[in-house]
Amino acid sequence: MKSPKQAALDLAARVKTLRLERRWTQEELASRAGMTLATYRRFERTGLISLNRLLWIAAVFGSLDQFDQLFQQQPTTLDEIEKREARNRAQRGRRRDAKARGPVQRGQD
């Protein structure tokens, strides 16, 4: 598993590759994305950029929809779904038992 810093640097390298494939200068991409040249240069060099600016860069390349997949739950097997449902049923059962007994009285020995 890569570190966040390495992931940011890899992302910056992919953006740079896309920029060069289009034969855009750093200044041209910065302008299209609505940021200063210094901000964009820092991103290519360090991988550091705000989420909002990264989204604008993605929009310039027509990749904004790919962010919708970022934290999507991975497909699971039927066995995993059944295990998760069984855990949920067990947890719900414990909660009902705790409520039925009433609140815990503290300080009364």
N, C-alpha and C. Protein backbone atom coordinates (compact mmCIF):
# COMPACT_ATOMS: atom_id res chain seq x y z
N MET A 1 0.85 -1.18 0.00
CA MET A 1 0.00 0.00 0.00
C MET A 1 0.89 1.23 0.00
N LYS A 2 0.58 2.18 -0.88
CA LYS A 2 1.42 3.36 -0.96
C LYS A 2 0.99 4.41 0.06
N SER A 3 1.89 5.31 0.35
CA SER A 3 1.62 6.37 1.31
C SER A 3 0.79 7.47 0.63
N PRO A 4 0.10 8.31 1.42
CA PRO A 4 -0.62 9.44 0.83
C PRO A 4 0.30 10.35 0.01
N LYS A 5 1.52 10.56 0.49
CA LYS A 5 2.45 11.41 -0.26
C LYS A 5 2.77 10.80 -1.62
N GLN A 6 3.01 9.48 -1.65
CA GLN A 6 3.31 8.82 -2.92
C GLN A 6 2.10 8.84 -3.84
N ALA A 7 0.91 8.65 -3.29
CA ALA A 7 -0.31 8.69 -4.10
C ALA A 7 -0.48 10.08 -4.72
N ALA A 8 -0.18 11.13 -3.95
CA ALA A 8 -0.29 12.50 -4.47
C ALA A 8 0.73 12.75 -5.58
N LEU A 9 1.94 12.26 -5.39
CA LEU A 9 2.97 12.43 -6.42
C LEU A 9 2.61 11.65 -7.69
N ASP A 10 2.07 10.46 -7.53
CA ASP A 10 1.64 9.67 -8.69
C ASP A 10 0.51 10.37 -9.44
N LEU A 11 -0.43 10.94 -8.70
CA LEU A 11 -1.53 11.66 -9.31
C LEU A 11 -1.01 12.87 -10.09
N ALA A 12 -0.10 13.61 -9.49
CA ALA A 12 0.49 14.78 -10.17
C ALA A 12 1.20 14.35 -11.44
N ALA A 13 1.89 13.22 -11.40
CA ALA A 13 2.59 12.72 -12.60
C ALA A 13 1.59 12.35 -13.70
N ARG A 14 0.45 11.76 -13.32
CA ARG A 14 -0.57 11.41 -14.32
C ARG A 14 -1.16 12.67 -14.95
N VAL A 15 -1.40 13.69 -14.13
CA VAL A 15 -1.91 14.95 -14.66
C VAL A 15 -0.89 15.57 -15.61
N LYS A 16 0.37 15.55 -15.24
CA LYS A 16 1.42 16.09 -16.10
C LYS A 16 1.45 15.35 -17.44
N THR A 17 1.33 14.03 -17.40
CA THR A 17 1.32 13.24 -18.63
C THR A 17 0.16 13.65 -19.53
N LEU A 18 -1.03 13.81 -18.94
CA LEU A 18 -2.19 14.25 -19.72
C LEU A 18 -1.96 15.63 -20.32
N ARG A 19 -1.37 16.52 -19.53
CA ARG A 19 -1.08 17.88 -20.01
C ARG A 19 -0.14 17.83 -21.20
N LEU A 20 0.92 17.04 -21.09
CA LEU A 20 1.91 16.95 -22.16
C LEU A 20 1.33 16.28 -23.41
N GLU A 21 0.45 15.30 -23.23
CA GLU A 21 -0.20 14.66 -24.38
C GLU A 21 -1.01 15.66 -25.19
N ARG A 22 -1.54 16.65 -24.51
CA ARG A 22 -2.32 17.70 -25.19
C ARG A 22 -1.45 18.86 -25.65
N ARG A 23 -0.18 18.76 -25.36
CA ARG A 23 0.80 19.79 -25.72
C ARG A 23 0.47 21.15 -25.09
N TRP A 24 -0.03 21.08 -23.85
CA TRP A 24 -0.33 22.30 -23.10
C TRP A 24 0.86 22.65 -22.23
N THR A 25 1.08 23.93 -22.07
CA THR A 25 2.08 24.39 -21.11
C THR A 25 1.46 24.34 -19.72
N GLN A 26 2.30 24.44 -18.70
CA GLN A 26 1.78 24.52 -17.33
C GLN A 26 0.88 25.74 -17.20
N GLU A 27 1.29 26.83 -17.82
CA GLU A 27 0.52 28.07 -17.75
C GLU A 27 -0.87 27.89 -18.38
N GLU A 28 -0.93 27.18 -19.50
CA GLU A 28 -2.22 26.98 -20.15
C GLU A 28 -3.16 26.13 -19.30
N LEU A 29 -2.65 25.05 -18.73
CA LEU A 29 -3.50 24.22 -17.87
C LEU A 29 -3.93 25.00 -16.63
N ALA A 30 -3.02 25.73 -16.03
CA ALA A 30 -3.37 26.53 -14.85
C ALA A 30 -4.49 27.50 -15.18
N SER A 31 -4.38 28.15 -16.33
CA SER A 31 -5.41 29.11 -16.75
C SER A 31 -6.75 28.41 -16.98
N ARG A 32 -6.73 27.28 -17.66
CA ARG A 32 -7.97 26.54 -17.92
C ARG A 32 -8.63 26.08 -16.62
N ALA A 33 -7.82 25.75 -15.61
CA ALA A 33 -8.34 25.26 -14.33
C ALA A 33 -8.62 26.40 -13.35
N GLY A 34 -8.33 27.64 -13.73
CA GLY A 34 -8.65 28.78 -12.88
C GLY A 34 -7.75 28.93 -11.67
N MET A 35 -6.47 28.63 -11.84
CA MET A 35 -5.53 28.77 -10.73
C MET A 35 -4.28 29.48 -11.21
N THR A 36 -3.46 29.89 -10.28
CA THR A 36 -2.23 30.56 -10.65
C THR A 36 -1.21 29.54 -11.17
N LEU A 37 -0.28 30.04 -11.95
CA LEU A 37 0.78 29.18 -12.46
C LEU A 37 1.59 28.60 -11.30
N ALA A 38 1.86 29.41 -10.28
CA ALA A 38 2.64 28.95 -9.13
C ALA A 38 1.95 27.78 -8.42
N THR A 39 0.64 27.87 -8.27
CA THR A 39 -0.11 26.79 -7.63
C THR A 39 -0.01 25.50 -8.43
N TYR A 40 -0.16 25.63 -9.75
CA TYR A 40 -0.09 24.43 -10.58
C TYR A 40 1.33 23.85 -10.59
N ARG A 41 2.32 24.68 -10.68
CA ARG A 41 3.70 24.19 -10.67
C ARG A 41 4.01 23.45 -9.36
N ARG A 42 3.54 24.00 -8.25
CA ARG A 42 3.75 23.35 -6.96
C ARG A 42 3.09 21.97 -6.95
N PHE A 43 1.91 21.87 -7.54
CA PHE A 43 1.22 20.58 -7.61
C PHE A 43 2.04 19.56 -8.40
N GLU A 44 2.53 19.94 -9.56
CA GLU A 44 3.33 19.00 -10.36
C GLU A 44 4.60 18.57 -9.63
N ARG A 45 5.17 19.50 -8.89
CA ARG A 45 6.45 19.23 -8.21
C ARG A 45 6.27 18.43 -6.92
N THR A 46 5.22 18.74 -6.15
CA THR A 46 5.07 18.16 -4.80
C THR A 46 3.85 17.26 -4.63
N GLY A 47 2.87 17.38 -5.52
CA GLY A 47 1.63 16.64 -5.37
C GLY A 47 0.64 17.34 -4.45
N LEU A 48 1.01 18.47 -3.88
CA LEU A 48 0.14 19.19 -2.94
C LEU A 48 -0.81 20.11 -3.70
N ILE A 49 -2.11 19.99 -3.39
CA ILE A 49 -3.13 20.83 -4.03
C ILE A 49 -4.41 20.69 -3.21
N SER A 50 -5.24 21.72 -3.23
CA SER A 50 -6.52 21.61 -2.53
C SER A 50 -7.45 20.71 -3.33
N LEU A 51 -8.40 20.12 -2.65
CA LEU A 51 -9.37 19.26 -3.32
C LEU A 51 -10.13 20.04 -4.38
N ASN A 52 -10.54 21.26 -4.06
CA ASN A 52 -11.29 22.07 -5.01
C ASN A 52 -10.50 22.30 -6.29
N ARG A 53 -9.22 22.61 -6.16
CA ARG A 53 -8.40 22.84 -7.35
C ARG A 53 -8.19 21.54 -8.13
N LEU A 54 -8.03 20.45 -7.43
CA LEU A 54 -7.90 19.16 -8.10
C LEU A 54 -9.16 18.83 -8.90
N LEU A 55 -10.32 19.14 -8.33
CA LEU A 55 -11.58 18.92 -9.04
C LEU A 55 -11.65 19.76 -10.31
N TRP A 56 -11.15 20.99 -10.25
CA TRP A 56 -11.13 21.83 -11.45
C TRP A 56 -10.21 21.25 -12.51
N ILE A 57 -9.07 20.73 -12.11
CA ILE A 57 -8.17 20.08 -13.07
C ILE A 57 -8.87 18.88 -13.70
N ALA A 58 -9.53 18.08 -12.87
CA ALA A 58 -10.26 16.92 -13.38
C ALA A 58 -11.33 17.35 -14.38
N ALA A 59 -12.01 18.45 -14.10
CA ALA A 59 -13.04 18.96 -15.02
C ALA A 59 -12.42 19.35 -16.36
N VAL A 60 -11.26 19.97 -16.33
CA VAL A 60 -10.57 20.37 -17.57
C VAL A 60 -10.31 19.15 -18.45
N PHE A 61 -9.95 18.03 -17.83
CA PHE A 61 -9.65 16.82 -18.59
C PHE A 61 -10.88 15.93 -18.81
N GLY A 62 -12.04 16.37 -18.35
CA GLY A 62 -13.26 15.58 -18.52
C GLY A 62 -13.29 14.35 -17.63
N SER A 63 -12.61 14.40 -16.51
CA SER A 63 -12.50 13.25 -15.61
C SER A 63 -13.24 13.44 -14.30
N LEU A 64 -14.05 14.46 -14.21
CA LEU A 64 -14.72 14.77 -12.95
C LEU A 64 -15.61 13.62 -12.46
N ASP A 65 -16.27 12.92 -13.39
CA ASP A 65 -17.14 11.81 -12.99
C ASP A 65 -16.39 10.68 -12.31
N GLN A 66 -15.09 10.56 -12.55
CA GLN A 66 -14.33 9.49 -11.92
C GLN A 66 -14.23 9.66 -10.41
N PHE A 67 -14.43 10.86 -9.90
CA PHE A 67 -14.41 11.07 -8.45
C PHE A 67 -15.59 10.39 -7.77
N ASP A 68 -16.66 10.14 -8.53
CA ASP A 68 -17.82 9.45 -7.95
C ASP A 68 -17.48 8.03 -7.52
N GLN A 69 -16.44 7.46 -8.10
CA GLN A 69 -16.05 6.09 -7.78
C GLN A 69 -15.06 6.01 -6.63
N LEU A 70 -14.59 7.14 -6.15
CA LEU A 70 -13.48 7.18 -5.21
C LEU A 70 -13.71 6.35 -3.94
N PHE A 71 -14.82 6.50 -3.29
CA PHE A 71 -15.06 5.78 -2.03
C PHE A 71 -16.25 4.82 -2.15
N GLN A 72 -16.49 4.30 -3.33
CA GLN A 72 -17.57 3.35 -3.53
C GLN A 72 -17.21 2.03 -2.85
N GLN A 73 -18.21 1.41 -2.27
CA GLN A 73 -18.00 0.12 -1.63
C GLN A 73 -17.74 -0.92 -2.72
N GLN A 74 -16.77 -1.75 -2.48
CA GLN A 74 -16.40 -2.79 -3.44
C GLN A 74 -17.48 -3.87 -3.47
N PRO A 75 -17.69 -4.47 -4.65
CA PRO A 75 -18.67 -5.57 -4.72
C PRO A 75 -18.28 -6.68 -3.74
N THR A 76 -19.29 -7.29 -3.14
CA THR A 76 -19.02 -8.35 -2.17
C THR A 76 -19.65 -9.65 -2.64
N THR A 77 -19.18 -10.72 -2.09
CA THR A 77 -19.75 -12.04 -2.41
C THR A 77 -21.01 -12.24 -1.59
N LEU A 78 -21.81 -13.19 -2.00
CA LEU A 78 -23.03 -13.52 -1.27
C LEU A 78 -22.70 -13.96 0.15
N ASP A 79 -21.61 -14.70 0.31
CA ASP A 79 -21.18 -15.15 1.64
C ASP A 79 -20.87 -13.96 2.55
N GLU A 80 -20.18 -12.94 2.02
CA GLU A 80 -19.86 -11.75 2.82
C GLU A 80 -21.12 -11.00 3.21
N ILE A 81 -22.08 -10.90 2.30
CA ILE A 81 -23.34 -10.21 2.59
C ILE A 81 -24.09 -10.94 3.71
N GLU A 82 -24.14 -12.27 3.63
CA GLU A 82 -24.83 -13.05 4.66
C GLU A 82 -24.16 -12.90 6.02
N LYS A 83 -22.83 -12.89 6.05
CA LYS A 83 -22.11 -12.70 7.31
C LYS A 83 -22.39 -11.32 7.90
N ARG A 84 -22.40 -10.29 7.05
CA ARG A 84 -22.66 -8.93 7.52
C ARG A 84 -24.08 -8.82 8.08
N GLU A 85 -25.05 -9.43 7.39
CA GLU A 85 -26.43 -9.41 7.88
C GLU A 85 -26.56 -10.15 9.20
N ALA A 86 -25.85 -11.26 9.35
CA ALA A 86 -25.89 -12.02 10.61
C ALA A 86 -25.31 -11.18 11.74
N ARG A 87 -24.21 -10.48 11.49
CA ARG A 87 -23.62 -9.60 12.51
C ARG A 87 -24.61 -8.50 12.89
N ASN A 88 -25.27 -7.92 11.89
CA ASN A 88 -26.24 -6.86 12.17
C ASN A 88 -27.40 -7.37 13.01
N ARG A 89 -27.88 -8.58 12.70
CA ARG A 89 -28.97 -9.17 13.50
C ARG A 89 -28.52 -9.41 14.94
N ALA A 90 -27.31 -9.89 15.11
CA ALA A 90 -26.78 -10.16 16.45
C ALA A 90 -26.65 -8.86 17.24
N GLN A 91 -26.20 -7.80 16.59
CA GLN A 91 -26.05 -6.52 17.28
C GLN A 91 -27.41 -5.95 17.66
N ARG A 92 -28.38 -6.08 16.77
CA ARG A 92 -29.72 -5.58 17.09
C ARG A 92 -30.30 -6.33 18.28
N GLY A 93 -30.04 -7.62 18.35
CA GLY A 93 -30.53 -8.42 19.48
C GLY A 93 -29.92 -7.98 20.79
N ARG A 94 -28.64 -7.67 20.81
CA ARG A 94 -27.98 -7.21 22.03
C ARG A 94 -28.55 -5.88 22.49
N ARG A 95 -28.86 -5.01 21.57
CA ARG A 95 -29.40 -3.70 21.95
C ARG A 95 -30.76 -3.86 22.62
N ARG A 96 -31.60 -4.72 22.09
CA ARG A 96 -32.92 -4.92 22.69
C ARG A 96 -32.80 -5.47 24.10
N ASP A 97 -31.88 -6.41 24.29
CA ASP A 97 -31.68 -6.99 25.63
C ASP A 97 -31.24 -5.92 26.61
N ALA A 98 -30.36 -5.04 26.19
CA ALA A 98 -29.85 -3.98 27.07
C ALA A 98 -30.97 -3.02 27.45
N LYS A 99 -31.86 -2.71 26.50
CA LYS A 99 -32.97 -1.80 26.79
C LYS A 99 -33.98 -2.44 27.73
N ALA A 100 -34.21 -3.72 27.58
CA ALA A 100 -35.21 -4.41 28.40
C ALA A 100 -34.82 -4.42 29.86
N ARG A 101 -33.54 -4.46 30.15
CA ARG A 101 -33.09 -4.48 31.54
C ARG A 101 -33.17 -3.11 32.19
N GLY A 102 -33.31 -2.08 31.40
CA GLY A 102 -33.40 -0.74 31.95
C GLY A 102 -32.04 -0.12 32.16
N PRO A 103 -32.03 1.12 32.63
CA PRO A 103 -30.76 1.82 32.81
C PRO A 103 -29.96 1.23 33.96
N VAL A 104 -28.68 1.35 33.87
CA VAL A 104 -27.78 0.86 34.92
C VAL A 104 -27.78 1.88 36.05
N GLN A 105 -28.00 1.39 37.27
CA GLN A 105 -27.97 2.25 38.44
C GLN A 105 -26.55 2.28 38.99
N ARG A 106 -25.98 3.41 39.08
CA ARG A 106 -24.60 3.52 39.58
C ARG A 106 -24.62 4.10 40.99
N GLY A 107 -23.69 3.65 41.77
CA GLY A 107 -23.51 4.19 43.11
C GLY A 107 -24.42 3.57 44.16
N GLN A 108 -25.20 2.56 43.80
CA GLN A 108 -26.07 1.89 44.76
C GLN A 108 -25.57 0.47 44.96
N ASP A 109 -24.68 0.26 45.89
CA ASP A 109 -24.10 -1.07 46.15
C ASP A 109 -24.92 -1.87 47.09
